[in-house]
């Protein structure tokens, strides 16, 4: 399948934008949620996983808001373009905010 930064083009002429829009909306929500919980801006990058598909990034003038990957090699997420690693204290804060919102089912009493 091909991705031009704005549109997913599947074989047979099927074109789709809705999964990209949903990924962007979810990332925006998580961005706001984390910012309200930790008190500072946290960069959230939306990633759309399409397991089993070979994803070709078609050159375009558009800057892709959503990263699209088949995730066979998730090392791309460690790329410098996603920013520097978060500090250990900030990672702990984020983990705390997320576990407060989504506690493990086995410890909910």
Protein backbone atom coordinates (compact mmCIF):
# COMPACT_ATOMS: atom_id res chain seq x y z
CA UNK A 1 0.00 0.00 0.00
CA UNK A 2 1.11 3.59 -0.56
CA UNK A 3 1.04 6.50 1.86
CA UNK A 4 1.57 10.09 0.73
CA UNK A 5 1.24 11.76 4.14
CA UNK A 6 -2.47 12.38 3.72
CA UNK A 7 -4.02 9.31 2.12
CA UNK A 8 -3.67 5.53 2.33
CA UNK A 9 -3.88 3.92 -1.12
CA UNK A 10 -4.50 0.20 -1.12
CA UNK A 11 -4.28 -2.15 -4.10
CA UNK A 12 -7.42 -2.21 -6.18
CA UNK A 13 -7.98 1.53 -5.92
CA UNK A 14 -9.24 1.66 -2.32
CA UNK A 15 -8.30 4.97 -0.67
CA UNK A 16 -8.73 5.75 3.00
CA UNK A 17 -8.20 8.74 5.31
CA UNK A 18 -10.32 7.85 8.34
CA UNK A 19 -7.70 5.70 10.15
CA UNK A 20 -5.20 8.57 9.79
CA UNK A 21 -7.73 11.05 11.15
CA UNK A 22 -8.54 8.78 14.08
CA UNK A 23 -4.86 8.26 14.93
CA UNK A 24 -4.31 12.03 14.89
CA UNK A 25 -7.36 12.66 17.11
CA UNK A 26 -6.24 10.00 19.60
CA UNK A 27 -2.74 11.49 19.71
CA UNK A 28 -4.19 14.96 20.33
CA UNK A 29 -6.32 13.58 23.17
CA UNK A 30 -3.32 11.80 24.73
CA UNK A 31 -1.22 14.96 24.36
CA UNK A 32 -3.80 17.00 26.32
CA UNK A 33 -4.34 14.24 28.88
CA UNK A 34 -0.63 13.85 29.62
CA UNK A 35 -0.06 17.59 29.73
CA UNK A 36 -2.84 18.00 32.30
CA UNK A 37 -1.42 15.12 34.35
CA UNK A 38 2.30 15.95 34.35
CA UNK A 39 2.09 19.72 33.97
CA UNK A 40 4.18 20.06 30.83
CA UNK A 41 3.89 19.49 27.11
CA UNK A 42 4.57 15.90 26.05
CA UNK A 43 5.11 15.25 22.35
CA UNK A 44 2.81 12.49 21.16
CA UNK A 45 3.42 11.06 17.69
CA UNK A 46 0.49 9.16 16.14
CA UNK A 47 1.46 5.83 14.60
CA UNK A 48 -0.86 3.75 12.45
CA UNK A 49 0.17 0.09 12.42
CA UNK A 50 -0.74 -1.96 9.37
CA UNK A 51 0.66 -5.44 10.06
CA UNK A 52 1.10 -7.56 6.97
CA UNK A 53 1.21 -4.64 4.55
CA UNK A 54 4.29 -3.38 2.76
CA UNK A 55 4.06 0.38 3.24
CA UNK A 56 5.58 2.58 0.56
CA UNK A 57 6.00 6.25 1.44
CA UNK A 58 5.21 8.14 -1.75
CA UNK A 59 7.07 11.46 -2.09
CA UNK A 60 4.76 14.39 -1.51
CA UNK A 61 4.84 18.05 -0.53
CA UNK A 62 2.78 17.11 2.52
CA UNK A 63 4.39 16.67 5.90
CA UNK A 64 2.92 13.50 7.34
CA UNK A 65 1.12 14.05 10.66
CA UNK A 66 0.77 10.29 11.21
CA UNK A 67 3.53 7.72 10.91
CA UNK A 68 2.33 4.64 9.02
CA UNK A 69 4.24 1.38 9.41
CA UNK A 70 3.79 -2.37 9.29
CA UNK A 71 5.87 -2.38 12.50
CA UNK A 72 8.07 -5.28 11.48
CA UNK A 73 11.03 -3.17 12.61
CA UNK A 74 9.89 -0.81 15.38
CA UNK A 75 13.44 0.54 15.79
CA UNK A 76 12.34 3.47 13.59
CA UNK A 77 10.62 4.85 16.69
CA UNK A 78 14.05 5.49 18.23
CA UNK A 79 14.94 7.88 15.39
CA UNK A 80 16.16 11.36 16.34
CA UNK A 81 13.23 12.99 14.49
CA UNK A 82 10.96 11.94 17.33
CA UNK A 83 12.97 14.06 19.75
CA UNK A 84 15.34 13.31 22.57
CA UNK A 85 14.54 10.55 25.06
CA UNK A 86 12.37 11.58 27.99
CA UNK A 87 14.05 11.86 31.38
CA UNK A 88 13.53 9.05 33.87
CA UNK A 89 11.51 11.26 36.28
CA UNK A 90 9.23 12.37 33.44
CA UNK A 91 8.75 8.76 32.29
CA UNK A 92 7.77 7.82 35.85
CA UNK A 93 5.28 10.71 35.97
CA UNK A 94 3.73 9.63 32.69
CA UNK A 95 3.51 6.02 33.88
CA UNK A 96 1.83 7.18 37.09
CA UNK A 97 -0.73 9.31 35.23
CA UNK A 98 -1.55 6.42 32.90
CA UNK A 99 -1.87 3.83 35.68
CA UNK A 100 -4.14 6.18 37.65
CA UNK A 101 -6.42 6.43 34.61
CA UNK A 102 -6.08 2.77 33.59
CA UNK A 103 -5.34 0.67 36.67
CA UNK A 104 -4.47 -2.99 36.27
CA UNK A 105 -7.64 -5.09 36.54
CA UNK A 106 -6.08 -7.44 39.11
CA UNK A 107 -5.44 -4.59 41.59
CA UNK A 108 -8.84 -2.89 41.32
CA UNK A 109 -10.68 -3.49 44.59
